[in-house]
C-alpha atoms as a PDB file:
ATOM      1  CA  MET A   1      -6.021 -56.961 -34.898  1.00  0.00           C
ATOM      2  CA  LEU A   2      -6.817 -56.131 -31.304  1.00  0.00           C
ATOM      3  CA  PRO A   3      -9.050 -53.116 -30.808  1.00  0.00           C
ATOM      4  CA  ALA A   4      -7.072 -49.986 -29.905  1.00  0.00           C
ATOM      5  CA  LEU A   5     -10.085 -48.367 -28.248  1.00  0.00           C
ATOM      6  CA  ARG A   6     -12.655 -49.390 -25.679  1.00  0.00           C
ATOM      7  CA  PRO A   7     -16.103 -47.978 -24.947  1.00  0.00           C
ATOM      8  CA  GLY A   8     -15.694 -44.902 -22.760  1.00  0.00           C
ATOM      9  CA  ASP A   9     -12.233 -43.960 -24.021  1.00  0.00           C
ATOM     10  CA  ARG A  10     -11.826 -40.224 -24.595  1.00  0.00           C
ATOM     11  CA  LEU A  11      -9.534 -39.125 -27.404  1.00  0.00           C
ATOM     12  CA  LEU A  12      -7.462 -36.165 -28.430  1.00  0.00           C
ATOM     13  CA  VAL A  13      -8.046 -35.358 -32.109  1.00  0.00           C
ATOM     14  CA  ASP A  14      -5.938 -33.129 -34.352  1.00  0.00           C
ATOM     15  CA  PRO A  15      -8.322 -31.467 -36.832  1.00  0.00           C
ATOM     16  CA  GLY A  16      -5.402 -30.003 -38.798  1.00  0.00           C
ATOM     17  CA  ALA A  17      -3.468 -33.237 -39.224  1.00  0.00           C
ATOM     18  CA  PHE A  18      -4.377 -33.649 -42.877  1.00  0.00           C
ATOM     19  CA  ARG A  19      -3.866 -30.122 -44.097  1.00  0.00           C
ATOM     20  CA  GLY A  20      -1.267 -30.552 -46.783  1.00  0.00           C
ATOM     21  CA  ARG A  21      -1.212 -34.350 -46.735  1.00  0.00           C
ATOM     22  CA  PHE A  22      -3.454 -37.368 -47.154  1.00  0.00           C
ATOM     23  CA  PRO A  23      -4.178 -39.823 -44.336  1.00  0.00           C
ATOM     24  CA  LYS A  24      -1.917 -42.868 -44.326  1.00  0.00           C
ATOM     25  CA  ALA A  25      -2.972 -46.490 -44.009  1.00  0.00           C
ATOM     26  CA  GLY A  26      -2.974 -47.488 -40.353  1.00  0.00           C
ATOM     27  CA  GLU A  27      -3.727 -44.045 -38.933  1.00  0.00           C
ATOM     28  CA  VAL A  28      -6.740 -43.700 -36.633  1.00  0.00           C
ATOM     29  CA  VAL A  29      -9.169 -41.075 -37.923  1.00  0.00           C
ATOM     30  CA  VAL A  30     -12.457 -39.524 -36.879  1.00  0.00           C
ATOM     31  CA  VAL A  31     -14.965 -39.259 -39.732  1.00  0.00           C
ATOM     32  CA  ASP A  32     -18.522 -37.991 -40.066  1.00  0.00           C
ATOM     33  CA  ASP A  33     -20.836 -41.004 -39.999  1.00  0.00           C
ATOM     34  CA  PRO A  34     -21.918 -41.478 -43.640  1.00  0.00           C
ATOM     35  CA  GLU A  35     -25.096 -43.230 -42.499  1.00  0.00           C
ATOM     36  CA  GLY A  36     -25.992 -40.551 -39.958  1.00  0.00           C
ATOM     37  CA  ARG A  37     -26.581 -42.989 -37.094  1.00  0.00           C
ATOM     38  CA  VAL A  38     -24.131 -41.173 -34.824  1.00  0.00           C
ATOM     39  CA  ARG A  39     -22.190 -37.952 -35.244  1.00  0.00           C
ATOM     40  CA  TRP A  40     -18.714 -39.426 -35.727  1.00  0.00           C
ATOM     41  CA  LEU A  41     -16.974 -42.752 -36.196  1.00  0.00           C
ATOM     42  CA  VAL A  42     -13.437 -43.588 -35.084  1.00  0.00           C
ATOM     43  CA  LYS A  43     -11.803 -45.925 -37.578  1.00  0.00           C
ATOM     44  CA  ARG A  44      -8.433 -46.989 -38.946  1.00  0.00           C
ATOM     45  CA  VAL A  45      -7.490 -45.984 -42.489  1.00  0.00           C
ATOM     46  CA  ALA A  46      -7.261 -49.086 -44.689  1.00  0.00           C
ATOM     47  CA  ALA A  47      -6.578 -47.427 -48.054  1.00  0.00           C
ATOM     48  CA  VAL A  48      -6.415 -43.987 -49.668  1.00  0.00           C
ATOM     49  CA  ASP A  49      -7.652 -43.145 -53.154  1.00  0.00           C
ATOM     50  CA  ALA A  50      -6.068 -39.704 -53.567  1.00  0.00           C
ATOM     51  CA  PRO A  51      -7.306 -39.101 -57.141  1.00  0.00           C
ATOM     52  CA  GLY A  52     -10.821 -40.135 -56.094  1.00  0.00           C
ATOM     53  CA  GLY A  53     -10.661 -38.055 -52.923  1.00  0.00           C
ATOM     54  CA  THR A  54     -11.758 -40.932 -50.681  1.00  0.00           C
ATOM     55  CA  ILE A  55     -10.462 -43.258 -47.996  1.00  0.00           C
ATOM     56  CA  GLU A  56     -11.470 -46.776 -46.981  1.00  0.00           C
ATOM     57  CA  VAL A  57     -11.868 -47.155 -43.215  1.00  0.00           C
ATOM     58  CA  ARG A  58     -12.033 -50.274 -41.096  1.00  0.00           C
ATOM     59  CA  GLY A  59     -12.827 -50.982 -37.480  1.00  0.00           C
ATOM     60  CA  ASP A  60     -10.370 -53.023 -35.447  1.00  0.00           C
ATOM     61  CA  SER A  61     -13.192 -55.418 -34.474  1.00  0.00           C
ATOM     62  CA  ALA A  62     -14.101 -56.584 -37.974  1.00  0.00           C
ATOM     63  CA  ASP A  63     -16.999 -58.787 -36.878  1.00  0.00           C
ATOM     64  CA  ARG A  64     -18.779 -55.925 -35.044  1.00  0.00           C
ATOM     65  CA  SER A  65     -17.739 -52.868 -37.003  1.00  0.00           C
ATOM     66  CA  ARG A  66     -19.714 -50.588 -39.326  1.00  0.00           C
ATOM     67  CA  ASP A  67     -17.103 -49.415 -41.781  1.00  0.00           C
ATOM     68  CA  SER A  68     -16.347 -49.035 -45.499  1.00  0.00           C
ATOM     69  CA  ARG A  69     -17.329 -52.660 -46.087  1.00  0.00           C
ATOM     70  CA  HIS A  70     -20.891 -51.537 -45.295  1.00  0.00           C
ATOM     71  CA  PHE A  71     -21.127 -47.918 -46.449  1.00  0.00           C
ATOM     72  CA  GLY A  72     -18.313 -47.661 -49.003  1.00  0.00           C
ATOM     73  CA  PRO A  73     -15.455 -45.184 -49.233  1.00  0.00           C
ATOM     74  CA  VAL A  74     -15.536 -41.990 -47.176  1.00  0.00           C
ATOM     75  CA  PRO A  75     -14.837 -38.640 -48.871  1.00  0.00           C
ATOM     76  CA  LEU A  76     -11.764 -36.828 -47.567  1.00  0.00           C
ATOM     77  CA  ARG A  77     -13.952 -33.826 -46.722  1.00  0.00           C
ATOM     78  CA  ALA A  78     -15.731 -36.037 -44.133  1.00  0.00           C
ATOM     79  CA  VAL A  79     -12.497 -36.607 -42.190  1.00  0.00           C
ATOM     80  CA  VAL A  80     -12.696 -34.600 -38.954  1.00  0.00           C
ATOM     81  CA  GLY A  81      -9.106 -35.279 -37.898  1.00  0.00           C
ATOM     82  CA  ARG A  82      -6.513 -37.763 -36.694  1.00  0.00           C
ATOM     83  CA  ALA A  83      -7.031 -39.341 -33.281  1.00  0.00           C
ATOM     84  CA  TYR A  84      -3.618 -39.479 -31.628  1.00  0.00           C
ATOM     85  CA  ARG A  85      -4.042 -40.121 -27.910  1.00  0.00           C
ATOM     86  CA  ILE A  86      -6.358 -41.656 -25.328  1.00  0.00           C
ATOM     87  CA  TYR A  87      -6.560 -39.178 -22.434  1.00  0.00           C
ATOM     88  CA  LEU A  88      -9.295 -40.773 -20.301  1.00  0.00           C
ATOM     89  CA  PRO A  89      -9.645 -42.972 -18.369  1.00  0.00           C
ATOM     90  CA  ILE A  90      -6.317 -42.107 -16.778  1.00  0.00           C
ATOM     91  CA  GLN A  91      -5.172 -45.742 -16.507  1.00  0.00           C
ATOM     92  CA  ARG A  92      -5.496 -46.073 -20.330  1.00  0.00           C
ATOM     93  CA  ARG A  93      -3.748 -42.771 -21.150  1.00  0.00           C
ATOM     94  CA  ARG A  94      -1.435 -43.471 -24.100  1.00  0.00           C
ATOM     95  CA  PRO A  95      -0.711 -42.527 -27.714  1.00  0.00           C
ATOM     96  CA  LEU A  96      -2.565 -44.289 -30.518  1.00  0.00           C
END
């Protein structure tokens, strides 16, 4: 899969997107970094374990990505929101 995002992209994030529903596979989400290296990670949902209250996240660049293959499933409470649009740089402005 080609990466949807590039370094320097600025995103619009809906923090209320998952009130009343679980994330769906394929959606781009912002999650608290479980390892604490950075504040947030932007990843694609790979799988949802609703009874377990977790999601598996993957980066689009599998060979360079820190994701659930390294740190395991992410609790739903760590999901900050759904990233839905690149707004900067202007030439890359588009929905995700």
